[in-house]
Amino acid sequence: MELTYRLTRDDYRQCLALTTKRVMGQVKVPLGPLFLLLSLVVTLAVLMWATASHLFDERAVLPVAWFAYFWGLFSLRLCVWLARRQYRANWLADDSYSLGELHLTMDSDGIVDADAARTTRYSWRAFSEVSEHRGLILLWYDRAQCVVVPARALADDAARRDFVTLARQRIAQADAQPVGRIGEA
């Protein structure tokens, strides 16, 4: 099976969001909420020390300190959001080869993915799963890396189902084959 298609910026953004969700799903301890809790405890400890030392009037320092703490958190989140937005807007230039034509060939040995700058061959053994999300078919070969095929590259819904079914079958067959040891003939 051979496909020729182009990925859009939106396809890349969607794939990035799915990859982030997939990777963050593997996180054992979410550091964001833990850091927020830790910084809140440190702030409270400093405030308690400052009021116990009579450095400030306890009625005046508490509202100002809480306002400053939450304003700092809000400002940090706003800066991160603006930086991400600017990064995403300028991520791929209009003449980027990533937005150019892609050729995907699927055979019994694996997949060949080619664009203007590179050609990559993947055996079926390299892939761990196939997922579909909002018009994208993702052939995962690592936790955070995949071959992206837009469903619009296939003729219709039946062709999409056949593509996904065939890919899943090939991956299952490759997983079922025993792996030989190095040096075996």
N, C-alpha and C. Protein backbone atom coordinates (compact mmCIF):
# COMPACT_ATOMS: atom_id res chain seq x y z
N MET A 1 0.85 -1.17 0.00
CA MET A 1 0.00 0.00 0.00
C MET A 1 0.90 1.23 0.00
N GLU A 2 0.58 2.18 -0.84
CA GLU A 2 1.35 3.43 -0.91
C GLU A 2 0.42 4.62 -0.71
N LEU A 3 0.89 5.58 0.08
CA LEU A 3 0.13 6.80 0.34
C LEU A 3 1.04 8.00 0.10
N THR A 4 0.44 9.07 -0.43
CA THR A 4 1.13 10.34 -0.56
C THR A 4 0.23 11.40 0.07
N TYR A 5 0.80 12.19 0.97
CA TYR A 5 -0.01 13.17 1.69
C TYR A 5 0.88 14.28 2.22
N ARG A 6 0.25 15.31 2.77
CA ARG A 6 0.93 16.41 3.44
C ARG A 6 0.35 16.54 4.85
N LEU A 7 1.22 16.80 5.80
CA LEU A 7 0.77 17.10 7.16
C LEU A 7 0.69 18.61 7.32
N THR A 8 -0.32 19.05 8.02
CA THR A 8 -0.50 20.49 8.27
C THR A 8 0.07 20.85 9.63
N ARG A 9 0.17 22.14 9.89
CA ARG A 9 0.61 22.59 11.22
C ARG A 9 -0.34 22.06 12.30
N ASP A 10 -1.62 22.05 11.98
CA ASP A 10 -2.61 21.56 12.94
C ASP A 10 -2.38 20.07 13.23
N ASP A 11 -2.02 19.28 12.22
CA ASP A 11 -1.71 17.87 12.44
C ASP A 11 -0.55 17.73 13.41
N TYR A 12 0.50 18.54 13.20
CA TYR A 12 1.66 18.50 14.09
C TYR A 12 1.28 18.93 15.50
N ARG A 13 0.48 19.97 15.64
CA ARG A 13 0.06 20.43 16.97
C ARG A 13 -0.75 19.36 17.69
N GLN A 14 -1.65 18.73 16.95
CA GLN A 14 -2.48 17.69 17.53
C GLN A 14 -1.62 16.49 17.94
N CYS A 15 -0.67 16.12 17.11
CA CYS A 15 0.23 15.02 17.44
C CYS A 15 1.07 15.36 18.67
N LEU A 16 1.54 16.60 18.75
CA LEU A 16 2.31 17.03 19.93
C LEU A 16 1.47 16.95 21.20
N ALA A 17 0.21 17.38 21.11
CA ALA A 17 -0.68 17.31 22.28
C ALA A 17 -0.91 15.85 22.68
N LEU A 18 -1.11 14.97 21.71
CA LEU A 18 -1.33 13.55 22.02
C LEU A 18 -0.07 12.92 22.61
N THR A 19 1.07 13.29 22.08
CA THR A 19 2.34 12.76 22.60
C THR A 19 2.56 13.23 24.03
N THR A 20 2.28 14.50 24.29
CA THR A 20 2.43 15.04 25.64
C THR A 20 1.51 14.31 26.61
N LYS A 21 0.27 14.11 26.20
CA LYS A 21 -0.69 13.39 27.06
C LYS A 21 -0.22 11.95 27.31
N ARG A 22 0.31 11.33 26.27
CA ARG A 22 0.79 9.95 26.38
C ARG A 22 1.99 9.87 27.34
N VAL A 23 2.93 10.78 27.21
CA VAL A 23 4.12 10.77 28.06
C VAL A 23 3.74 11.13 29.50
N MET A 24 2.91 12.16 29.66
CA MET A 24 2.53 12.58 31.01
C MET A 24 1.68 11.52 31.71
N GLY A 25 1.02 10.66 30.95
CA GLY A 25 0.28 9.55 31.54
C GLY A 25 1.19 8.54 32.22
N GLN A 26 2.47 8.55 31.87
CA GLN A 26 3.44 7.63 32.46
C GLN A 26 4.10 8.20 33.72
N VAL A 27 3.83 9.47 34.02
CA VAL A 27 4.47 10.12 35.16
C VAL A 27 3.95 9.50 36.46
N LYS A 28 4.88 9.10 37.31
CA LYS A 28 4.51 8.49 38.59
C LYS A 28 4.09 9.52 39.62
N VAL A 29 4.86 10.61 39.72
CA VAL A 29 4.56 11.67 40.68
C VAL A 29 4.48 12.98 39.91
N PRO A 30 3.28 13.59 39.83
CA PRO A 30 3.17 14.87 39.11
C PRO A 30 3.89 15.98 39.89
N LEU A 31 4.95 16.52 39.31
CA LEU A 31 5.77 17.51 40.01
C LEU A 31 5.11 18.88 40.10
N GLY A 32 4.24 19.22 39.16
CA GLY A 32 3.58 20.53 39.18
C GLY A 32 2.80 20.76 40.47
N PRO A 33 1.81 19.91 40.78
CA PRO A 33 1.07 20.10 42.03
C PRO A 33 1.95 19.95 43.27
N LEU A 34 2.95 19.08 43.20
CA LEU A 34 3.85 18.91 44.32
C LEU A 34 4.66 20.18 44.56
N PHE A 35 5.16 20.81 43.49
CA PHE A 35 5.90 22.06 43.61
C PHE A 35 5.00 23.17 44.13
N LEU A 36 3.75 23.23 43.67
CA LEU A 36 2.80 24.24 44.13
C LEU A 36 2.58 24.11 45.63
N LEU A 37 2.38 22.89 46.09
CA LEU A 37 2.17 22.64 47.52
C LEU A 37 3.42 23.00 48.32
N LEU A 38 4.58 22.62 47.82
CA LEU A 38 5.83 22.93 48.51
C LEU A 38 6.07 24.43 48.60
N SER A 39 5.83 25.15 47.51
CA SER A 39 6.04 26.60 47.54
C SER A 39 5.03 27.28 48.47
N LEU A 40 3.83 26.76 48.55
CA LEU A 40 2.83 27.30 49.47
C LEU A 40 3.27 27.09 50.92
N VAL A 41 3.80 25.92 51.23
CA VAL A 41 4.28 25.63 52.59
C VAL A 41 5.45 26.54 52.95
N VAL A 42 6.38 26.73 52.02
CA VAL A 42 7.53 27.61 52.28
C VAL A 42 7.06 29.04 52.49
N THR A 43 6.12 29.50 51.67
CA THR A 43 5.59 30.86 51.82
C THR A 43 4.93 31.03 53.18
N LEU A 44 4.13 30.06 53.58
CA LEU A 44 3.48 30.13 54.90
C LEU A 44 4.51 30.13 56.03
N ALA A 45 5.56 29.33 55.90
CA ALA A 45 6.60 29.29 56.93
C ALA A 45 7.31 30.64 57.05
N VAL A 46 7.61 31.27 55.93
CA VAL A 46 8.26 32.58 55.95
C VAL A 46 7.33 33.61 56.57
N LEU A 47 6.04 33.57 56.21
CA LEU A 47 5.07 34.52 56.79
C LEU A 47 4.94 34.32 58.29
N MET A 48 4.90 33.07 58.73
CA MET A 48 4.78 32.81 60.17
C MET A 48 6.03 33.30 60.91
N TRP A 49 7.20 33.07 60.32
CA TRP A 49 8.43 33.55 60.94
C TRP A 49 8.46 35.08 60.99
N ALA A 50 8.03 35.73 59.90
CA ALA A 50 8.05 37.20 59.85
C ALA A 50 7.10 37.79 60.87
N THR A 51 5.91 37.21 61.04
CA THR A 51 4.97 37.74 62.02
C THR A 51 5.41 37.41 63.45
N ALA A 52 6.00 36.24 63.67
CA ALA A 52 6.49 35.88 65.01
C ALA A 52 7.67 36.75 65.41
N SER A 53 8.46 37.19 64.44
CA SER A 53 9.62 38.06 64.72
C SER A 53 9.21 39.52 64.81
N HIS A 54 7.95 39.80 64.61
CA HIS A 54 7.40 41.15 64.63
C HIS A 54 8.06 42.07 63.60
N LEU A 55 8.44 41.47 62.46
CA LEU A 55 9.00 42.27 61.37
C LEU A 55 7.91 43.08 60.68
N PHE A 56 6.73 42.52 60.69
CA PHE A 56 5.59 43.17 60.06
C PHE A 56 4.40 43.09 60.99
N ASP A 57 3.48 43.98 60.76
CA ASP A 57 2.21 43.91 61.48
C ASP A 57 1.43 42.75 60.87
N GLU A 58 1.00 41.79 61.68
CA GLU A 58 0.38 40.59 61.15
C GLU A 58 -0.91 40.87 60.37
N ARG A 59 -1.61 41.97 60.67
CA ARG A 59 -2.83 42.29 59.92
C ARG A 59 -2.50 42.84 58.53
N ALA A 60 -1.36 43.46 58.36
CA ALA A 60 -1.01 44.08 57.07
C ALA A 60 -0.28 43.11 56.14
N VAL A 61 0.50 42.21 56.70
CA VAL A 61 1.33 41.38 55.85
C VAL A 61 0.57 40.24 55.17
N LEU A 62 -0.40 39.67 55.85
CA LEU A 62 -1.08 38.51 55.30
C LEU A 62 -1.79 38.78 53.97
N PRO A 63 -2.65 39.79 53.86
CA PRO A 63 -3.31 40.02 52.57
C PRO A 63 -2.32 40.37 51.46
N VAL A 64 -1.31 41.16 51.77
CA VAL A 64 -0.32 41.54 50.75
C VAL A 64 0.48 40.31 50.32
N ALA A 65 0.89 39.49 51.27
CA ALA A 65 1.67 38.29 50.94
C ALA A 65 0.87 37.32 50.09
N TRP A 66 -0.41 37.10 50.45
CA TRP A 66 -1.24 36.20 49.65
C TRP A 66 -1.44 36.74 48.25
N PHE A 67 -1.69 38.03 48.15
CA PHE A 67 -1.85 38.63 46.83
C PHE A 67 -0.57 38.46 46.00
N ALA A 68 0.57 38.73 46.62
CA ALA A 68 1.86 38.61 45.90
C ALA A 68 2.11 37.17 45.48
N TYR A 69 1.80 36.22 46.34
CA TYR A 69 2.01 34.81 46.03
C TYR A 69 1.17 34.39 44.82
N PHE A 70 -0.12 34.68 44.87
CA PHE A 70 -1.00 34.27 43.77
C PHE A 70 -0.75 35.08 42.51
N TRP A 71 -0.37 36.34 42.65
CA TRP A 71 -0.02 37.12 41.46
C TRP A 71 1.23 36.54 40.80
N GLY A 72 2.20 36.10 41.59
CA GLY A 72 3.40 35.47 41.05
C GLY A 72 3.07 34.18 40.31
N LEU A 73 2.19 33.34 40.87
CA LEU A 73 1.77 32.12 40.19
C LEU A 73 1.05 32.43 38.89
N PHE A 74 0.14 33.39 38.94
CA PHE A 74 -0.60 33.78 37.74
C PHE A 74 0.35 34.33 36.67
N SER A 75 1.29 35.17 37.07
CA SER A 75 2.24 35.75 36.11
C SER A 75 3.11 34.67 35.46
N LEU A 76 3.55 33.72 36.27
CA LEU A 76 4.35 32.62 35.74
C LEU A 76 3.56 31.82 34.71
N ARG A 77 2.33 31.46 35.03
CA ARG A 77 1.48 30.70 34.10
C ARG A 77 1.23 31.49 32.82
N LEU A 78 0.99 32.80 32.96
CA LEU A 78 0.76 33.65 31.80
C LEU A 78 1.99 33.70 30.90
N CYS A 79 3.17 33.84 31.49
CA CYS A 79 4.41 33.86 30.70
C CYS A 79 4.64 32.55 29.97
N VAL A 80 4.41 31.44 30.65
CA VAL A 80 4.56 30.13 30.01
C VAL A 80 3.57 29.97 28.86
N TRP A 81 2.33 30.37 29.08
CA TRP A 81 1.30 30.27 28.03
C TRP A 81 1.67 31.12 26.82
N LEU A 82 2.10 32.36 27.05
CA LEU A 82 2.49 33.24 25.93
C LEU A 82 3.70 32.70 25.19
N ALA A 83 4.67 32.17 25.91
CA ALA A 83 5.87 31.62 25.26
C ALA A 83 5.51 30.40 24.42
N ARG A 84 4.67 29.53 24.95
CA ARG A 84 4.23 28.35 24.17
C ARG A 84 3.45 28.77 22.94
N ARG A 85 2.60 29.74 23.10
CA ARG A 85 1.80 30.21 21.97
C ARG A 85 2.71 30.78 20.87
N GLN A 86 3.69 31.58 21.25
CA GLN A 86 4.61 32.15 20.29
C GLN A 86 5.47 31.06 19.65
N TYR A 87 5.90 30.10 20.42
CA TYR A 87 6.70 28.99 19.89
C TYR A 87 5.91 28.20 18.85
N ARG A 88 4.65 27.86 19.20
CA ARG A 88 3.81 27.09 18.27
C ARG A 88 3.51 27.86 16.99
N ALA A 89 3.33 29.17 17.11
CA ALA A 89 3.01 29.98 15.93
C ALA A 89 4.19 30.04 14.96
N ASN A 90 5.41 29.96 15.49
CA ASN A 90 6.61 30.06 14.64
C ASN A 90 7.36 28.74 14.51
N TRP A 91 6.74 27.64 14.88
CA TRP A 91 7.40 26.35 14.93
C TRP A 91 7.85 25.88 13.56
N LEU A 92 6.94 25.83 12.61
CA LEU A 92 7.26 25.37 11.26
C LEU A 92 7.18 26.53 10.28
N ALA A 93 8.26 26.78 9.59
CA ALA A 93 8.25 27.83 8.56
C ALA A 93 7.41 27.36 7.38
N ASP A 94 6.94 28.32 6.59
CA ASP A 94 6.10 27.97 5.44
C ASP A 94 6.81 27.05 4.45
N ASP A 95 8.13 27.19 4.35
CA ASP A 95 8.89 26.36 3.40
C ASP A 95 9.53 25.14 4.06
N SER A 96 9.07 24.77 5.25
CA SER A 96 9.62 23.62 5.97
C SER A 96 9.36 22.33 5.19
N TYR A 97 10.37 21.47 5.14
CA TYR A 97 10.17 20.19 4.46
C TYR A 97 9.17 19.32 5.21
N SER A 98 8.94 19.59 6.50
CA SER A 98 7.95 18.85 7.27
C SER A 98 6.52 19.09 6.77
N LEU A 99 6.31 20.24 6.12
CA LEU A 99 4.98 20.53 5.56
C LEU A 99 4.90 20.11 4.09
N GLY A 100 5.97 19.52 3.58
CA GLY A 100 6.00 19.08 2.19
C GLY A 100 5.32 17.74 2.03
N GLU A 101 5.44 17.21 0.84
CA GLU A 101 4.80 15.94 0.50
C GLU A 101 5.52 14.78 1.17
N LEU A 102 4.74 13.86 1.72
CA LEU A 102 5.27 12.66 2.36
C LEU A 102 4.81 11.44 1.58
N HIS A 103 5.67 10.45 1.52
CA HIS A 103 5.34 9.18 0.86
C HIS A 103 5.48 8.07 1.89
N LEU A 104 4.45 7.28 2.02
CA LEU A 104 4.46 6.17 2.96
C LEU A 104 4.17 4.90 2.19
N THR A 105 5.05 3.93 2.31
CA THR A 105 4.85 2.64 1.66
C THR A 105 4.79 1.58 2.74
N MET A 106 3.74 0.77 2.70
CA MET A 106 3.53 -0.25 3.69
C MET A 106 3.60 -1.60 3.00
N ASP A 107 4.50 -2.50 3.47
CA ASP A 107 4.58 -3.84 2.90
C ASP A 107 4.70 -4.86 4.02
N SER A 108 4.97 -6.11 3.67
CA SER A 108 5.01 -7.17 4.68
C SER A 108 6.19 -7.02 5.64
N ASP A 109 7.24 -6.31 5.22
CA ASP A 109 8.42 -6.14 6.08
C ASP A 109 8.29 -4.96 7.04
N GLY A 110 7.52 -3.94 6.66
CA GLY A 110 7.39 -2.77 7.51
C GLY A 110 6.89 -1.57 6.74
N ILE A 111 7.36 -0.40 7.16
CA ILE A 111 6.91 0.86 6.57
C ILE A 111 8.14 1.65 6.13
N VAL A 112 8.04 2.27 4.96
CA VAL A 112 9.05 3.20 4.50
C VAL A 112 8.38 4.57 4.47
N ASP A 113 8.95 5.51 5.21
CA ASP A 113 8.42 6.86 5.33
C ASP A 113 9.46 7.80 4.70
N ALA A 114 9.05 8.55 3.67
CA ALA A 114 10.01 9.40 2.96
C ALA A 114 9.43 10.79 2.74
N ASP A 115 10.31 11.79 2.84
CA ASP A 115 9.96 13.16 2.46
C ASP A 115 11.12 13.72 1.65
N ALA A 116 11.13 15.01 1.44
CA ALA A 116 12.16 15.63 0.59
C ALA A 116 13.56 15.52 1.18
N ALA A 117 13.68 15.36 2.49
CA ALA A 117 14.99 15.38 3.13
C ALA A 117 15.49 14.02 3.60
N ARG A 118 14.61 13.05 3.79
CA ARG A 118 15.05 11.78 4.37
C ARG A 118 14.12 10.64 3.97
N THR A 119 14.65 9.44 4.12
CA THR A 119 13.86 8.22 3.95
C THR A 119 14.16 7.33 5.15
N THR A 120 13.11 6.85 5.80
CA THR A 120 13.28 6.02 6.99
C THR A 120 12.50 4.73 6.81
N ARG A 121 13.15 3.62 7.12
CA ARG A 121 12.50 2.32 7.04
C ARG A 121 12.31 1.79 8.45
N TYR A 122 11.09 1.38 8.76
CA TYR A 122 10.74 0.80 10.05
C TYR A 122 10.27 -0.63 9.83
N SER A 123 10.79 -1.57 10.60
CA SER A 123 10.24 -2.93 10.54
C SER A 123 8.99 -2.95 11.42
N TRP A 124 8.14 -3.92 11.22
CA TRP A 124 6.92 -4.00 12.02
C TRP A 124 7.24 -4.21 13.49
N ARG A 125 8.38 -4.84 13.76
CA ARG A 125 8.79 -5.09 15.13
C ARG A 125 9.04 -3.78 15.90
N ALA A 126 9.33 -2.71 15.19
CA ALA A 126 9.62 -1.41 15.84
C ALA A 126 8.37 -0.79 16.45
N PHE A 127 7.20 -1.11 15.93
CA PHE A 127 5.97 -0.47 16.37
C PHE A 127 5.37 -1.20 17.56
N SER A 128 4.81 -0.41 18.47
CA SER A 128 4.19 -1.00 19.66
C SER A 128 2.66 -0.95 19.61
N GLU A 129 2.11 0.06 18.93
CA GLU A 129 0.65 0.15 18.87
C GLU A 129 0.23 1.13 17.77
N VAL A 130 -1.05 1.04 17.44
CA VAL A 130 -1.68 1.95 16.48
C VAL A 130 -2.84 2.61 17.21
N SER A 131 -2.92 3.93 17.11
CA SER A 131 -4.06 4.63 17.71
C SER A 131 -4.63 5.61 16.71
N GLU A 132 -5.88 5.96 16.93
CA GLU A 132 -6.56 6.93 16.07
C GLU A 132 -7.11 8.04 16.96
N HIS A 133 -6.99 9.26 16.46
CA HIS A 133 -7.52 10.38 17.23
C HIS A 133 -7.80 11.55 16.30
N ARG A 134 -9.04 11.99 16.25
CA ARG A 134 -9.46 13.16 15.48
C ARG A 134 -8.85 13.24 14.08
N GLY A 135 -9.01 12.20 13.33
CA GLY A 135 -8.56 12.23 11.94
C GLY A 135 -7.09 11.91 11.74
N LEU A 136 -6.40 11.47 12.78
CA LEU A 136 -5.00 11.06 12.64
C LEU A 136 -4.86 9.59 13.02
N ILE A 137 -4.04 8.88 12.26
CA ILE A 137 -3.67 7.51 12.58
C ILE A 137 -2.21 7.58 13.02
N LEU A 138 -1.94 7.10 14.21
CA LEU A 138 -0.60 7.20 14.79
C LEU A 138 -0.02 5.82 14.98
N LEU A 139 1.10 5.56 14.33
CA LEU A 139 1.81 4.29 14.45
C LEU A 139 2.98 4.53 15.41
N TRP A 140 2.81 4.13 16.67
CA TRP A 140 3.77 4.45 17.73
C TRP A 140 4.95 3.48 17.69
N TYR A 141 6.16 4.03 17.61
CA TYR A 141 7.36 3.21 17.69
C TYR A 141 8.19 3.57 18.92
N ASP A 142 7.73 4.46 19.71
CA ASP A 142 8.35 4.82 20.96
C ASP A 142 7.27 5.49 21.80
N ARG A 143 7.55 5.75 23.05
CA ARG A 143 6.54 6.39 23.90
C ARG A 143 6.14 7.75 23.37
N ALA A 144 7.11 8.48 22.79
CA ALA A 144 6.82 9.85 22.36
C ALA A 144 7.07 10.07 20.87
N GLN A 145 7.22 8.99 20.09
CA GLN A 145 7.48 9.15 18.66
C GLN A 145 6.58 8.23 17.87
N CYS A 146 6.11 8.75 16.74
CA CYS A 146 5.19 7.97 15.93
C CYS A 146 5.26 8.41 14.47
N VAL A 147 4.75 7.55 13.61
CA VAL A 147 4.54 7.91 12.21
C VAL A 147 3.10 8.39 12.14
N VAL A 148 2.90 9.59 11.62
CA VAL A 148 1.58 10.20 11.58
C VAL A 148 1.01 10.07 10.18
N VAL A 149 -0.20 9.53 10.09
CA VAL A 149 -0.90 9.41 8.82
C VAL A 149 -2.27 10.05 9.00
N PRO A 150 -2.56 11.12 8.27
CA PRO A 150 -3.90 11.70 8.39
C PRO A 150 -4.92 10.80 7.70
N ALA A 151 -6.07 10.64 8.31
CA ALA A 151 -7.12 9.79 7.74
C ALA A 151 -7.55 10.31 6.36
N ARG A 152 -7.40 11.60 6.11
CA ARG A 152 -7.78 12.17 4.82
C ARG A 152 -6.91 11.66 3.67
N ALA A 153 -5.75 11.05 4.01
CA ALA A 153 -4.87 10.49 2.98
C ALA A 153 -5.45 9.21 2.39
N LEU A 154 -6.39 8.61 3.09
CA LEU A 154 -7.03 7.39 2.61
C LEU A 154 -8.35 7.74 1.93
N ALA A 155 -8.73 6.92 0.98
CA ALA A 155 -9.87 7.24 0.12
C ALA A 155 -11.18 7.44 0.88
N ASP A 156 -11.46 6.56 1.83
CA ASP A 156 -12.72 6.66 2.57
C ASP A 156 -12.57 5.98 3.92
N ASP A 157 -13.68 5.89 4.64
CA ASP A 157 -13.67 5.31 5.98
C ASP A 157 -13.31 3.83 5.94
N ALA A 158 -13.76 3.12 4.92
CA ALA A 158 -13.44 1.70 4.79
C ALA A 158 -11.93 1.50 4.58
N ALA A 159 -11.33 2.34 3.76
CA ALA A 159 -9.88 2.27 3.52
C ALA A 159 -9.11 2.58 4.81
N ARG A 160 -9.61 3.53 5.60
CA ARG A 160 -8.98 3.85 6.87
C ARG A 160 -9.03 2.65 7.81
N ARG A 161 -10.21 2.01 7.91
CA ARG A 161 -10.34 0.83 8.77
C ARG A 161 -9.41 -0.29 8.30
N ASP A 162 -9.34 -0.50 6.97
CA ASP A 162 -8.46 -1.54 6.43
C ASP A 162 -6.99 -1.25 6.75
N PHE A 163 -6.58 0.02 6.62
CA PHE A 163 -5.21 0.42 6.91
C PHE A 163 -4.87 0.14 8.37
N VAL A 164 -5.75 0.55 9.27
CA VAL A 164 -5.53 0.37 10.71
C VAL A 164 -5.52 -1.12 11.06
N THR A 165 -6.46 -1.88 10.51
CA THR A 165 -6.53 -3.32 10.78
C THR A 165 -5.27 -4.03 10.29
N LEU A 166 -4.83 -3.69 9.07
CA LEU A 166 -3.63 -4.30 8.52
C LEU A 166 -2.40 -3.96 9.36
N ALA A 167 -2.27 -2.71 9.77
CA ALA A 167 -1.14 -2.31 10.61
C ALA A 167 -1.16 -3.06 11.94
N ARG A 168 -2.31 -3.18 12.56
CA ARG A 168 -2.41 -3.89 13.84
C ARG A 168 -2.07 -5.37 13.67
N GLN A 169 -2.52 -5.97 12.56
CA GLN A 169 -2.21 -7.38 12.31
C GLN A 169 -0.70 -7.57 12.12
N ARG A 170 -0.07 -6.70 11.35
CA ARG A 170 1.37 -6.82 11.10
C ARG A 170 2.17 -6.64 12.39
N ILE A 171 1.75 -5.71 13.22
CA ILE A 171 2.44 -5.49 14.50
C ILE A 171 2.28 -6.72 15.39
N ALA A 172 1.07 -7.29 15.44
CA ALA A 172 0.83 -8.49 16.25
C ALA A 172 1.64 -9.66 15.73
N GLN A 173 1.73 -9.82 14.40
CA GLN A 173 2.54 -10.89 13.82
C GLN A 173 4.01 -10.73 14.17
N ALA A 174 4.51 -9.51 14.09
CA ALA A 174 5.91 -9.25 14.41
C ALA A 174 6.19 -9.52 15.88
N ASP A 175 5.24 -9.20 16.76
CA ASP A 175 5.42 -9.47 18.19
C ASP A 175 5.40 -10.96 18.49
N ALA A 176 4.64 -11.72 17.69
CA ALA A 176 4.51 -13.16 17.92
C ALA A 176 5.74 -13.93 17.44
N GLN A 177 6.51 -13.36 16.53
CA GLN A 177 7.70 -14.04 16.02
C GLN A 177 8.79 -14.05 17.09
N PRO A 178 9.43 -15.21 17.25
CA PRO A 178 10.51 -15.27 18.24
C PRO A 178 11.70 -14.43 17.77
N VAL A 179 12.38 -13.85 18.71
CA VAL A 179 13.56 -13.04 18.42
C VAL A 179 14.78 -13.94 18.58
N GLY A 180 15.59 -14.03 17.53
CA GLY A 180 16.81 -14.83 17.59
C GLY A 180 17.89 -14.11 18.36
N ARG A 181 18.79 -14.89 18.93
CA ARG A 181 19.90 -14.29 19.65
C ARG A 181 20.98 -13.89 18.66
N ILE A 182 21.80 -12.95 19.04
CA ILE A 182 22.90 -12.51 18.20
C ILE A 182 23.87 -13.66 18.00
N GLY A 183 24.26 -13.88 16.76
CA GLY A 183 25.21 -14.95 16.46
C GLY A 183 24.53 -16.22 16.00
N GLU A 184 23.22 -16.31 16.15
CA GLU A 184 22.51 -17.50 15.67
C GLU A 184 22.35 -17.43 14.17
N ALA A 185 22.40 -18.58 13.54
CA ALA A 185 22.22 -18.63 12.08
C ALA A 185 20.82 -19.01 11.72
